[in-house]
Amino acid sequence: MIIAIEKPDNRTMDVDQLIAFERIVREGSFSKAAWALGIAQPSISARVAGLENTVGGALFTRGRKVRLTARGTSFLPYARKALATLQDGLEAARLAQNGERGLLRIGVLRSLSGGLLGPVMLEFQQQFPEVECQIREGDHWNLVEWLCDGLFDMALICFPCVDPLLADITPVLQLQENMVFVVSPQHRLAQPAGITQAEILSHSNPFLLLRWWQNTPFEIELLATQAKATLDVPNETGRYLVTHGQGAGFFSKPTIASELANGTMLEIPVLDMPSIQRKTALVHLTRHKEHSAAAKNFALLLERQAKKQGLIAIL
């Protein structure tokens, strides 16, 4: 292996020369160093001679006992630092290859940044603590723009993307969430046996139109246009209103798992409406065919967490 450390006359030093030099210092003799390195003494002498030629003078005084010259004493800490830096670089490359070190850049829908991504990142950091992670949340179109600008390696967005100009996006993992109609336990529509669309129109007070999708499904858009009162609000605002007894609307079930578990929200079947899902996907730019080991590890953990939460996961 050659390290490109060149003098004006183009002489170079290689790693074997540095190793030989440092080992002779530790062993105190050429013969002991040659034995420790598993090479013949003429070979180690040749390596040192080549190194001395590069640095411009003798590194050792030869005799019954080998000693460093002033030049050798000055050079020793730099040789050791070079060998240590090289070893650190080799180890970093090995860890990056295994996904144990490196950089992970992920974009995620705001609605999935807590309930789904939170547990994934907890497990990822426990397994790969030396990987630097950069996570950024946003709405679908923000994420698509940032992905195309090269800010992320992958992004978790609504899928399929309805913009025909974005054919460059390829899914790594596809997910499907059930959307459920929810109210607070005190709401007039809190009827566990189920309600009808007509009752939603009359008693939502107001009907909350939430933006989970790129394009709102027709059935929900129709309810929003016909309800006595409709409130078009961000998803987190809608969550706050429902848990405080105001309004009702359709939520992604995994995102409100804790509220359903502690009883601050109730899932109410809509008897005369087909089930509604939201599809999302972890995607990358098609032209970027190779993923880092860290990104692959992240995708596997995301798949496992999605299955735990009852999301349909397709790799």
C-alpha atoms as a PDB file:
ATOM      1  CA  MET A   1       0.000   0.000   0.000  1.00  0.00           C
ATOM      2  CA  ILE A   2       1.409   3.404  -0.951  1.00  0.00           C
ATOM      3  CA  ILE A   3       0.712   6.600   0.973  1.00  0.00           C
ATOM      4  CA  ALA A   4       1.084   9.560  -1.362  1.00  0.00           C
ATOM      5  CA  ILE A   5       3.537  11.523   0.756  1.00  0.00           C
ATOM      6  CA  GLU A   6       5.880  12.919  -1.879  1.00  0.00           C
ATOM      7  CA  LYS A   7       9.070  14.943  -1.713  1.00  0.00           C
ATOM      8  CA  PRO A   8      10.150  17.190  -4.560  1.00  0.00           C
ATOM      9  CA  ASP A   9      12.170  14.319  -6.101  1.00  0.00           C
ATOM     10  CA  ASN A  10       8.998  12.130  -6.049  1.00  0.00           C
ATOM     11  CA  ARG A  11      10.249   9.725  -3.387  1.00  0.00           C
ATOM     12  CA  THR A  12       7.380   8.107  -1.431  1.00  0.00           C
ATOM     13  CA  MET A  13       6.990   6.179   1.778  1.00  0.00           C
ATOM     14  CA  ASP A  14       4.676   3.198   2.146  1.00  0.00           C
ATOM     15  CA  VAL A  15       2.830   1.745   5.101  1.00  0.00           C
ATOM     16  CA  ASP A  16       5.132  -1.281   5.375  1.00  0.00           C
ATOM     17  CA  GLN A  17       8.084   1.077   5.872  1.00  0.00           C
ATOM     18  CA  LEU A  18       6.287   2.914   8.672  1.00  0.00           C
ATOM     19  CA  ILE A  19       5.294  -0.365  10.330  1.00  0.00           C
ATOM     20  CA  ALA A  20       8.866  -1.645  10.138  1.00  0.00           C
ATOM     21  CA  PHE A  21      10.231   1.601  11.612  1.00  0.00           C
ATOM     22  CA  GLU A  22       7.742   1.644  14.501  1.00  0.00           C
ATOM     23  CA  ARG A  23       8.281  -2.060  15.268  1.00  0.00           C
ATOM     24  CA  ILE A  24      12.046  -1.722  15.427  1.00  0.00           C
ATOM     25  CA  VAL A  25      11.599   1.067  17.968  1.00  0.00           C
ATOM     26  CA  ARG A  26       9.410  -1.188  20.119  1.00  0.00           C
ATOM     27  CA  GLU A  27      11.559  -4.311  19.814  1.00  0.00           C
ATOM     28  CA  GLY A  28      14.900  -2.546  20.072  1.00  0.00           C
ATOM     29  CA  SER A  29      16.465  -4.522  17.225  1.00  0.00           C
ATOM     30  CA  PHE A  30      16.077  -5.230  13.529  1.00  0.00           C
ATOM     31  CA  SER A  31      16.123  -9.007  13.993  1.00  0.00           C
ATOM     32  CA  LYS A  32      13.414  -9.065  16.688  1.00  0.00           C
ATOM     33  CA  ALA A  33      11.227  -6.731  14.648  1.00  0.00           C
ATOM     34  CA  ALA A  34      11.671  -8.910  11.541  1.00  0.00           C
ATOM     35  CA  TRP A  35      10.670 -12.004  13.523  1.00  0.00           C
ATOM     36  CA  ALA A  36       7.608 -10.252  15.023  1.00  0.00           C
ATOM     37  CA  LEU A  37       6.470  -9.160  11.555  1.00  0.00           C
ATOM     38  CA  GLY A  38       7.149 -12.532   9.975  1.00  0.00           C
ATOM     39  CA  ILE A  39       9.635 -11.254   7.389  1.00  0.00           C
ATOM     40  CA  ALA A  40      13.361 -11.779   6.714  1.00  0.00           C
ATOM     41  CA  GLN A  41      15.846  -9.361   8.245  1.00  0.00           C
ATOM     42  CA  PRO A  42      17.122  -8.179   4.819  1.00  0.00           C
ATOM     43  CA  SER A  43      13.524  -7.202   4.001  1.00  0.00           C
ATOM     44  CA  ILE A  44      13.089  -5.084   7.105  1.00  0.00           C
ATOM     45  CA  SER A  45      16.487  -3.489   6.557  1.00  0.00           C
ATOM     46  CA  ALA A  46      15.479  -2.616   2.995  1.00  0.00           C
ATOM     47  CA  ARG A  47      12.244  -1.026   4.201  1.00  0.00           C
ATOM     48  CA  VAL A  48      14.058   1.151   6.706  1.00  0.00           C
ATOM     49  CA  ALA A  49      16.656   2.100   4.116  1.00  0.00           C
ATOM     50  CA  GLY A  50      13.891   3.194   1.764  1.00  0.00           C
ATOM     51  CA  LEU A  51      12.225   5.228   4.512  1.00  0.00           C
ATOM     52  CA  GLU A  52      15.535   6.871   5.443  1.00  0.00           C
ATOM     53  CA  ASN A  53      16.058   7.747   1.798  1.00  0.00           C
ATOM     54  CA  THR A  54      12.651   9.462   1.786  1.00  0.00           C
ATOM     55  CA  VAL A  55      13.105  11.454   5.012  1.00  0.00           C
ATOM     56  CA  GLY A  56      16.633  12.450   4.003  1.00  0.00           C
ATOM     57  CA  GLY A  57      18.836  10.776   6.597  1.00  0.00           C
ATOM     58  CA  ALA A  58      19.412   8.028   9.144  1.00  0.00           C
ATOM     59  CA  LEU A  59      16.635   7.164  11.598  1.00  0.00           C
ATOM     60  CA  PHE A  60      18.694   4.727  13.676  1.00  0.00           C
ATOM     61  CA  THR A  61      22.287   4.418  14.849  1.00  0.00           C
ATOM     62  CA  ARG A  62      23.440   0.900  14.054  1.00  0.00           C
ATOM     63  CA  GLY A  63      25.550  -1.056  16.504  1.00  0.00           C
ATOM     64  CA  ARG A  64      25.193  -3.659  19.219  1.00  0.00           C
ATOM     65  CA  LYS A  65      22.058  -1.773  20.265  1.00  0.00           C
ATOM     66  CA  VAL A  66      19.775   0.116  17.925  1.00  0.00           C
ATOM     67  CA  ARG A  67      18.982   3.686  18.947  1.00  0.00           C
ATOM     68  CA  LEU A  68      16.981   6.448  17.354  1.00  0.00           C
ATOM     69  CA  THR A  69      18.817   9.386  15.883  1.00  0.00           C
ATOM     70  CA  ALA A  70      17.559  12.900  16.498  1.00  0.00           C
ATOM     71  CA  ARG A  71      15.853  12.669  13.115  1.00  0.00           C
ATOM     72  CA  GLY A  72      14.249   9.358  14.116  1.00  0.00           C
ATOM     73  CA  THR A  73      13.086  10.725  17.469  1.00  0.00           C
ATOM     74  CA  SER A  74      11.425  13.660  15.745  1.00  0.00           C
ATOM     75  CA  PHE A  75       9.799  11.437  13.120  1.00  0.00           C
ATOM     76  CA  LEU A  76       8.490   8.735  15.493  1.00  0.00           C
ATOM     77  CA  PRO A  77       5.333  10.489  16.829  1.00  0.00           C
ATOM     78  CA  TYR A  78       4.252  11.403  13.298  1.00  0.00           C
ATOM     79  CA  ALA A  79       4.782   7.852  12.060  1.00  0.00           C
ATOM     80  CA  ARG A  80       2.702   6.492  14.915  1.00  0.00           C
ATOM     81  CA  LYS A  81      -0.002   9.100  14.311  1.00  0.00           C
ATOM     82  CA  ALA A  82      -0.110   8.189  10.609  1.00  0.00           C
ATOM     83  CA  LEU A  83      -0.487   4.483  11.401  1.00  0.00           C
ATOM     84  CA  ALA A  84      -3.185   5.183  14.003  1.00  0.00           C
ATOM     85  CA  THR A  85      -5.093   7.440  11.586  1.00  0.00           C
ATOM     86  CA  LEU A  86      -4.934   4.794   8.882  1.00  0.00           C
ATOM     87  CA  GLN A  87      -6.231   2.170  11.307  1.00  0.00           C
ATOM     88  CA  ASP A  88      -9.062   4.479  12.355  1.00  0.00           C
ATOM     89  CA  GLY A  89      -9.931   5.003   8.689  1.00  0.00           C
ATOM     90  CA  LEU A  90      -9.989   1.271   7.988  1.00  0.00           C
ATOM     91  CA  GLU A  91     -12.219   0.702  11.006  1.00  0.00           C
ATOM     92  CA  ALA A  92     -14.557   3.526   9.978  1.00  0.00           C
ATOM     93  CA  ALA A  93     -14.834   2.028   6.487  1.00  0.00           C
ATOM     94  CA  ARG A  94     -15.628  -1.382   7.975  1.00  0.00           C
ATOM     95  CA  LEU A  95     -18.292   0.041  10.273  1.00  0.00           C
ATOM     96  CA  ALA A  96     -19.837   2.047   7.429  1.00  0.00           C
ATOM     97  CA  GLN A  97     -19.991  -1.095   5.303  1.00  0.00           C
ATOM     98  CA  ASN A  98     -21.904  -2.829   8.124  1.00  0.00           C
ATOM     99  CA  GLY A  99     -24.147   0.169   8.757  1.00  0.00           C
ATOM    100  CA  GLU A 100     -22.616   0.779  12.192  1.00  0.00           C
ATOM    101  CA  ARG A 101     -21.273   4.193  11.253  1.00  0.00           C
ATOM    102  CA  GLY A 102     -22.110   6.807   8.647  1.00  0.00           C
ATOM    103  CA  LEU A 103     -24.925   9.267   7.962  1.00  0.00           C
ATOM    104  CA  LEU A 104     -28.659   8.551   7.723  1.00  0.00           C
ATOM    105  CA  ARG A 105     -30.850  11.313   6.207  1.00  0.00           C
ATOM    106  CA  ILE A 106     -34.597  10.639   6.307  1.00  0.00           C
ATOM    107  CA  GLY A 107     -37.681  12.757   5.581  1.00  0.00           C
ATOM    108  CA  VAL A 108     -41.000  11.782   7.138  1.00  0.00           C
ATOM    109  CA  LEU A 109     -44.630  12.865   7.013  1.00  0.00           C
ATOM    110  CA  ARG A 110     -45.438  14.896  10.079  1.00  0.00           C
ATOM    111  CA  SER A 111     -48.305  12.531  10.892  1.00  0.00           C
ATOM    112  CA  LEU A 112     -45.903   9.565  11.073  1.00  0.00           C
ATOM    113  CA  SER A 113     -42.985  11.241  12.847  1.00  0.00           C
ATOM    114  CA  GLY A 114     -44.128  10.224  16.317  1.00  0.00           C
ATOM    115  CA  GLY A 115     -46.146   7.023  16.505  1.00  0.00           C
ATOM    116  CA  LEU A 116     -44.329   5.169  13.715  1.00  0.00           C
ATOM    117  CA  LEU A 117     -40.925   6.796  13.340  1.00  0.00           C
ATOM    118  CA  GLY A 118     -40.351   7.354  17.069  1.00  0.00           C
ATOM    119  CA  PRO A 119     -40.081   3.640  17.984  1.00  0.00           C
ATOM    120  CA  VAL A 120     -38.036   2.969  14.847  1.00  0.00           C
ATOM    121  CA  MET A 121     -35.462   5.627  15.730  1.00  0.00           C
ATOM    122  CA  LEU A 122     -35.308   4.455  19.331  1.00  0.00           C
ATOM    123  CA  GLU A 123     -34.373   0.951  18.185  1.00  0.00           C
ATOM    124  CA  PHE A 124     -32.055   2.258  15.466  1.00  0.00           C
ATOM    125  CA  GLN A 125     -30.084   4.396  17.909  1.00  0.00           C
ATOM    126  CA  GLN A 126     -29.814   1.527  20.377  1.00  0.00           C
ATOM    127  CA  GLN A 127     -28.390  -0.756  17.684  1.00  0.00           C
ATOM    128  CA  PHE A 128     -26.299   1.782  15.755  1.00  0.00           C
ATOM    129  CA  PRO A 129     -25.297   4.545  18.193  1.00  0.00           C
ATOM    130  CA  GLU A 130     -22.416   5.796  16.016  1.00  0.00           C
ATOM    131  CA  VAL A 131     -24.574   6.533  12.956  1.00  0.00           C
ATOM    132  CA  GLU A 132     -25.299  10.245  12.604  1.00  0.00           C
ATOM    133  CA  CYS A 133     -29.022  10.743  11.927  1.00  0.00           C
ATOM    134  CA  GLN A 134     -30.695  13.735  10.304  1.00  0.00           C
ATOM    135  CA  ILE A 135     -34.505  13.478  10.402  1.00  0.00           C
ATOM    136  CA  ARG A 136     -36.777  16.177   8.986  1.00  0.00           C
ATOM    137  CA  GLU A 137     -40.571  16.209   8.990  1.00  0.00           C
ATOM    138  CA  GLY A 138     -42.964  17.974   6.641  1.00  0.00           C
ATOM    139  CA  ASP A 139     -46.040  17.574   4.508  1.00  0.00           C
ATOM    140  CA  HIS A 140     -46.040  15.393   1.409  1.00  0.00           C
ATOM    141  CA  TRP A 141     -45.072  18.047  -1.126  1.00  0.00           C
ATOM    142  CA  ASN A 142     -42.329  19.497   1.081  1.00  0.00           C
ATOM    143  CA  LEU A 143     -40.797  16.054   1.405  1.00  0.00           C
ATOM    144  CA  VAL A 144     -40.965  15.329  -2.311  1.00  0.00           C
ATOM    145  CA  GLU A 145     -39.262  18.635  -3.099  1.00  0.00           C
ATOM    146  CA  TRP A 146     -36.533  18.078  -0.501  1.00  0.00           C
ATOM    147  CA  LEU A 147     -35.948  14.523  -1.715  1.00  0.00           C
ATOM    148  CA  CYS A 148     -35.518  15.745  -5.288  1.00  0.00           C
ATOM    149  CA  ASP A 149     -33.129  18.433  -4.015  1.00  0.00           C
ATOM    150  CA  GLY A 150     -30.938  15.724  -2.504  1.00  0.00           C
ATOM    151  CA  LEU A 151     -31.560  16.573   1.158  1.00  0.00           C
ATOM    152  CA  PHE A 152     -32.598  13.006   2.025  1.00  0.00           C
ATOM    153  CA  ASP A 153     -31.502   9.485   1.196  1.00  0.00           C
ATOM    154  CA  MET A 154     -35.100   8.317   1.608  1.00  0.00           C
ATOM    155  CA  ALA A 155     -38.449   9.859   2.551  1.00  0.00           C
ATOM    156  CA  LEU A 156     -41.716   8.494   3.954  1.00  0.00           C
ATOM    157  CA  ILE A 157     -44.431  10.118   1.821  1.00  0.00           C
ATOM    158  CA  CYS A 158     -47.988   9.546   0.575  1.00  0.00           C
ATOM    159  CA  PHE A 159     -48.001   7.021  -2.233  1.00  0.00           C
ATOM    160  CA  PRO A 160     -48.367   6.715  -5.120  1.00  0.00           C
ATOM    161  CA  CYS A 161     -47.305  10.265  -5.876  1.00  0.00           C
ATOM    162  CA  VAL A 162     -49.980  11.838  -8.089  1.00  0.00           C
ATOM    163  CA  ASP A 163     -47.608  14.226  -9.847  1.00  0.00           C
ATOM    164  CA  PRO A 164     -46.736  12.562 -13.206  1.00  0.00           C
ATOM    165  CA  LEU A 165     -43.504  14.527 -13.362  1.00  0.00           C
ATOM    166  CA  LEU A 166     -42.151  12.579 -10.387  1.00  0.00           C
ATOM    167  CA  ALA A 167     -41.622   9.233 -12.084  1.00  0.00           C
ATOM    168  CA  ASP A 168     -38.097   9.247 -10.669  1.00  0.00           C
ATOM    169  CA  ILE A 169     -39.416   8.087  -7.257  1.00  0.00           C
ATOM    170  CA  THR A 170     -39.251   4.376  -6.386  1.00  0.00           C
ATOM    171  CA  PRO A 171     -40.705   2.728  -3.249  1.00  0.00           C
ATOM    172  CA  VAL A 172     -38.546   0.702  -0.877  1.00  0.00           C
ATOM    173  CA  LEU A 173     -41.390  -0.174   1.501  1.00  0.00           C
ATOM    174  CA  GLN A 174     -45.124   0.399   0.986  1.00  0.00           C
ATOM    175  CA  LEU A 175     -47.522   0.844   3.914  1.00  0.00           C
ATOM    176  CA  GLN A 176     -51.293   1.029   4.271  1.00  0.00           C
ATOM    177  CA  GLU A 177     -53.078   2.515   7.274  1.00  0.00           C
ATOM    178  CA  ASN A 178     -56.734   2.189   8.172  1.00  0.00           C
ATOM    179  CA  MET A 179     -58.547   5.505   8.532  1.00  0.00           C
ATOM    180  CA  VAL A 180     -61.174   5.547  11.287  1.00  0.00           C
ATOM    181  CA  PHE A 181     -63.914   7.951  12.339  1.00  0.00           C
ATOM    182  CA  VAL A 182     -63.340   9.137  15.912  1.00  0.00           C
ATOM    183  CA  VAL A 183     -65.034  11.300  18.527  1.00  0.00           C
ATOM    184  CA  SER A 184     -64.537  12.019  22.197  1.00  0.00           C
ATOM    185  CA  PRO A 185     -66.385   9.795  24.720  1.00  0.00           C
ATOM    186  CA  GLN A 186     -68.685  12.743  25.533  1.00  0.00           C
ATOM    187  CA  HIS A 187     -69.641  13.479  21.942  1.00  0.00           C
ATOM    188  CA  ARG A 188     -73.189  12.940  20.728  1.00  0.00           C
ATOM    189  CA  LEU A 189     -71.903  10.502  18.075  1.00  0.00           C
ATOM    190  CA  ALA A 190     -70.146   8.281  20.637  1.00  0.00           C
ATOM    191  CA  GLN A 191     -72.207   5.212  19.740  1.00  0.00           C
ATOM    192  CA  PRO A 192     -69.958   2.105  19.675  1.00  0.00           C
ATOM    193  CA  ALA A 193     -72.546   0.111  17.701  1.00  0.00           C
ATOM    194  CA  GLY A 194     -72.051   2.441  14.745  1.00  0.00           C
ATOM    195  CA  ILE A 195     -73.536   5.463  13.015  1.00  0.00           C
ATOM    196  CA  THR A 196     -74.571   6.495   9.501  1.00  0.00           C
ATOM    197  CA  GLN A 197     -73.262   9.180   7.201  1.00  0.00           C
ATOM    198  CA  ALA A 198     -76.470  11.110   7.740  1.00  0.00           C
ATOM    199  CA  GLU A 199     -75.773  11.238  11.471  1.00  0.00           C
ATOM    200  CA  ILE A 200     -72.241  12.498  10.767  1.00  0.00           C
ATOM    201  CA  LEU A 201     -73.668  15.270   8.599  1.00  0.00           C
ATOM    202  CA  SER A 202     -76.136  16.308  11.289  1.00  0.00           C
ATOM    203  CA  HIS A 203     -74.185  15.896  14.517  1.00  0.00           C
ATOM    204  CA  SER A 204     -70.406  16.212  13.936  1.00  0.00           C
ATOM    205  CA  ASN A 205     -70.501  19.773  15.232  1.00  0.00           C
ATOM    206  CA  PRO A 206     -68.287  20.406  13.257  1.00  0.00           C
ATOM    207  CA  PHE A 207     -67.046  17.831  10.769  1.00  0.00           C
ATOM    208  CA  LEU A 208     -63.255  18.012  10.747  1.00  0.00           C
ATOM    209  CA  LEU A 209     -61.644  17.911   7.314  1.00  0.00           C
ATOM    210  CA  LEU A 210     -58.106  16.692   7.915  1.00  0.00           C
ATOM    211  CA  ARG A 211     -55.281  16.571   5.379  1.00  0.00           C
ATOM    212  CA  TRP A 212     -53.919  13.043   5.529  1.00  0.00           C
ATOM    213  CA  TRP A 213     -53.778  12.578   1.763  1.00  0.00           C
ATOM    214  CA  GLN A 214     -52.437  14.274  -1.356  1.00  0.00           C
ATOM    215  CA  ASN A 215     -56.064  14.376  -2.544  1.00  0.00           C
ATOM    216  CA  THR A 216     -58.928  13.886  -0.091  1.00  0.00           C
ATOM    217  CA  PRO A 217     -60.984  10.716  -0.866  1.00  0.00           C
ATOM    218  CA  PHE A 218     -64.294  11.424  -2.575  1.00  0.00           C
ATOM    219  CA  GLU A 219     -66.414  10.023   0.283  1.00  0.00           C
ATOM    220  CA  ILE A 220     -64.826  12.334   2.834  1.00  0.00           C
ATOM    221  CA  GLU A 221     -64.853  15.328   0.507  1.00  0.00           C
ATOM    222  CA  LEU A 222     -68.591  14.758   0.022  1.00  0.00           C
ATOM    223  CA  LEU A 223     -69.202  14.705   3.781  1.00  0.00           C
ATOM    224  CA  ALA A 224     -67.227  17.921   4.137  1.00  0.00           C
ATOM    225  CA  THR A 225     -69.322  19.714   1.521  1.00  0.00           C
ATOM    226  CA  GLN A 226     -72.661  18.511   2.924  1.00  0.00           C
ATOM    227  CA  ALA A 227     -72.084  18.752   6.676  1.00  0.00           C
ATOM    228  CA  LYS A 228     -73.856  21.478   8.627  1.00  0.00           C
ATOM    229  CA  ALA A 229     -70.482  22.789   9.743  1.00  0.00           C
ATOM    230  CA  THR A 230     -67.020  21.878   8.455  1.00  0.00           C
ATOM    231  CA  LEU A 231     -63.678  22.878   9.861  1.00  0.00           C
ATOM    232  CA  ASP A 232     -60.601  22.466   7.628  1.00  0.00           C
ATOM    233  CA  VAL A 233     -57.702  22.147  10.084  1.00  0.00           C
ATOM    234  CA  PRO A 234     -54.241  20.608  10.421  1.00  0.00           C
ATOM    235  CA  ASN A 235     -54.184  17.066  11.758  1.00  0.00           C
ATOM    236  CA  GLU A 236     -52.706  17.971  15.143  1.00  0.00           C
ATOM    237  CA  THR A 237     -55.289  20.714  15.622  1.00  0.00           C
ATOM    238  CA  GLY A 238     -58.011  18.191  14.833  1.00  0.00           C
ATOM    239  CA  ARG A 239     -56.559  15.777  17.378  1.00  0.00           C
ATOM    240  CA  TYR A 240     -56.668  18.482  20.056  1.00  0.00           C
ATOM    241  CA  LEU A 241     -60.262  19.429  19.248  1.00  0.00           C
ATOM    242  CA  VAL A 242     -61.537  15.851  19.365  1.00  0.00           C
ATOM    243  CA  THR A 243     -59.824  15.026  22.649  1.00  0.00           C
ATOM    244  CA  HIS A 244     -61.441  18.149  24.112  1.00  0.00           C
ATOM    245  CA  GLY A 245     -64.921  17.165  22.969  1.00  0.00           C
ATOM    246  CA  GLN A 246     -65.207  19.368  19.900  1.00  0.00           C
ATOM    247  CA  GLY A 247     -65.847  17.955  16.424  1.00  0.00           C
ATOM    248  CA  ALA A 248     -65.340  14.580  14.792  1.00  0.00           C
ATOM    249  CA  GLY A 249     -63.381  13.303  11.822  1.00  0.00           C
ATOM    250  CA  PHE A 250     -61.329  10.607  10.157  1.00  0.00           C
ATOM    251  CA  PHE A 251     -57.878   9.862  11.557  1.00  0.00           C
ATOM    252  CA  SER A 252     -55.096   7.448  10.687  1.00  0.00           C
ATOM    253  CA  LYS A 253     -55.549   4.735  13.284  1.00  0.00           C
ATOM    254  CA  PRO A 254     -51.834   4.170  14.062  1.00  0.00           C
ATOM    255  CA  THR A 255     -51.329   7.883  14.758  1.00  0.00           C
ATOM    256  CA  ILE A 256     -53.967   7.941  17.517  1.00  0.00           C
ATOM    257  CA  ALA A 257     -53.200   4.548  19.051  1.00  0.00           C
ATOM    258  CA  SER A 258     -52.416   6.077  22.460  1.00  0.00           C
ATOM    259  CA  GLU A 259     -55.655   8.125  22.507  1.00  0.00           C
ATOM    260  CA  LEU A 260     -57.708   5.072  21.591  1.00  0.00           C
ATOM    261  CA  ALA A 261     -55.917   3.049  24.277  1.00  0.00           C
ATOM    262  CA  ASN A 262     -56.461   5.600  27.054  1.00  0.00           C
ATOM    263  CA  GLY A 263     -60.041   6.342  26.038  1.00  0.00           C
ATOM    264  CA  THR A 264     -59.694  10.003  25.132  1.00  0.00           C
ATOM    265  CA  MET A 265     -60.849   9.097  21.592  1.00  0.00           C
ATOM    266  CA  LEU A 266     -63.420   6.518  20.495  1.00  0.00           C
ATOM    267  CA  GLU A 267     -63.450   4.741  17.141  1.00  0.00           C
ATOM    268  CA  ILE A 268     -66.975   4.683  15.747  1.00  0.00           C
ATOM    269  CA  PRO A 269     -67.918   2.408  12.794  1.00  0.00           C
ATOM    270  CA  VAL A 270     -69.615   4.194   9.894  1.00  0.00           C
ATOM    271  CA  LEU A 271     -72.131   1.554   8.846  1.00  0.00           C
ATOM    272  CA  ASP A 272     -72.905   2.778   5.346  1.00  0.00           C
ATOM    273  CA  MET A 273     -69.384   3.748   4.225  1.00  0.00           C
ATOM    274  CA  PRO A 274     -66.693   1.449   2.776  1.00  0.00           C
ATOM    275  CA  SER A 275     -63.411   1.228   4.673  1.00  0.00           C
ATOM    276  CA  ILE A 276     -60.907   3.948   3.802  1.00  0.00           C
ATOM    277  CA  GLN A 277     -57.130   3.598   3.829  1.00  0.00           C
ATOM    278  CA  ARG A 278     -54.158   5.853   3.426  1.00  0.00           C
ATOM    279  CA  LYS A 279     -51.199   4.543   1.489  1.00  0.00           C
ATOM    280  CA  THR A 280     -47.680   5.722   2.215  1.00  0.00           C
ATOM    281  CA  ALA A 281     -44.242   4.528   1.213  1.00  0.00           C
ATOM    282  CA  LEU A 282     -40.593   4.866   2.063  1.00  0.00           C
ATOM    283  CA  VAL A 283     -39.128   6.031  -1.249  1.00  0.00           C
ATOM    284  CA  HIS A 284     -35.872   7.026  -2.883  1.00  0.00           C
ATOM    285  CA  LEU A 285     -34.911   8.629  -6.163  1.00  0.00           C
ATOM    286  CA  THR A 286     -34.798   5.932  -8.838  1.00  0.00           C
ATOM    287  CA  ARG A 287     -31.451   7.146 -10.149  1.00  0.00           C
ATOM    288  CA  HIS A 288     -29.909   6.447  -6.738  1.00  0.00           C
ATOM    289  CA  LYS A 289     -29.840   2.670  -7.004  1.00  0.00           C
ATOM    290  CA  GLU A 290     -27.375   1.983  -4.202  1.00  0.00           C
ATOM    291  CA  HIS A 291     -28.312   2.576  -0.559  1.00  0.00           C
ATOM    292  CA  SER A 292     -25.956   2.847   2.366  1.00  0.00           C
ATOM    293  CA  ALA A 293     -25.933   0.024   4.879  1.00  0.00           C
ATOM    294  CA  ALA A 294     -27.394   2.461   7.427  1.00  0.00           C
ATOM    295  CA  ALA A 295     -30.347   3.210   5.116  1.00  0.00           C
ATOM    296  CA  LYS A 296     -30.959  -0.502   4.545  1.00  0.00           C
ATOM    297  CA  ASN A 297     -30.927  -1.153   8.278  1.00  0.00           C
ATOM    298  CA  PHE A 298     -33.403   1.685   8.793  1.00  0.00           C
ATOM    299  CA  ALA A 299     -35.779   0.253   6.172  1.00  0.00           C
ATOM    300  CA  LEU A 300     -35.731  -3.175   7.849  1.00  0.00           C
ATOM    301  CA  LEU A 301     -36.501  -1.683  11.268  1.00  0.00           C
ATOM    302  CA  LEU A 302     -39.299   0.416   9.760  1.00  0.00           C
ATOM    303  CA  GLU A 303     -40.819  -2.672   8.175  1.00  0.00           C
ATOM    304  CA  ARG A 304     -40.706  -4.535  11.492  1.00  0.00           C
ATOM    305  CA  GLN A 305     -42.293  -1.654  13.422  1.00  0.00           C
ATOM    306  CA  ALA A 306     -44.989  -1.190  10.764  1.00  0.00           C
ATOM    307  CA  LYS A 307     -45.988  -4.843  11.096  1.00  0.00           C
ATOM    308  CA  LYS A 308     -46.133  -4.480  14.887  1.00  0.00           C
ATOM    309  CA  GLN A 309     -48.611  -1.627  14.448  1.00  0.00           C
ATOM    310  CA  GLY A 310     -50.774  -3.605  12.039  1.00  0.00           C
ATOM    311  CA  LEU A 311     -49.803  -1.680   8.921  1.00  0.00           C
ATOM    312  CA  ILE A 312     -49.569  -3.615   5.703  1.00  0.00           C
ATOM    313  CA  ALA A 313     -45.930  -3.619   4.733  1.00  0.00           C
ATOM    314  CA  ILE A 314     -44.706  -4.583   1.268  1.00  0.00           C
ATOM    315  CA  LEU A 315     -40.990  -4.548   0.485  1.00  0.00           C
END
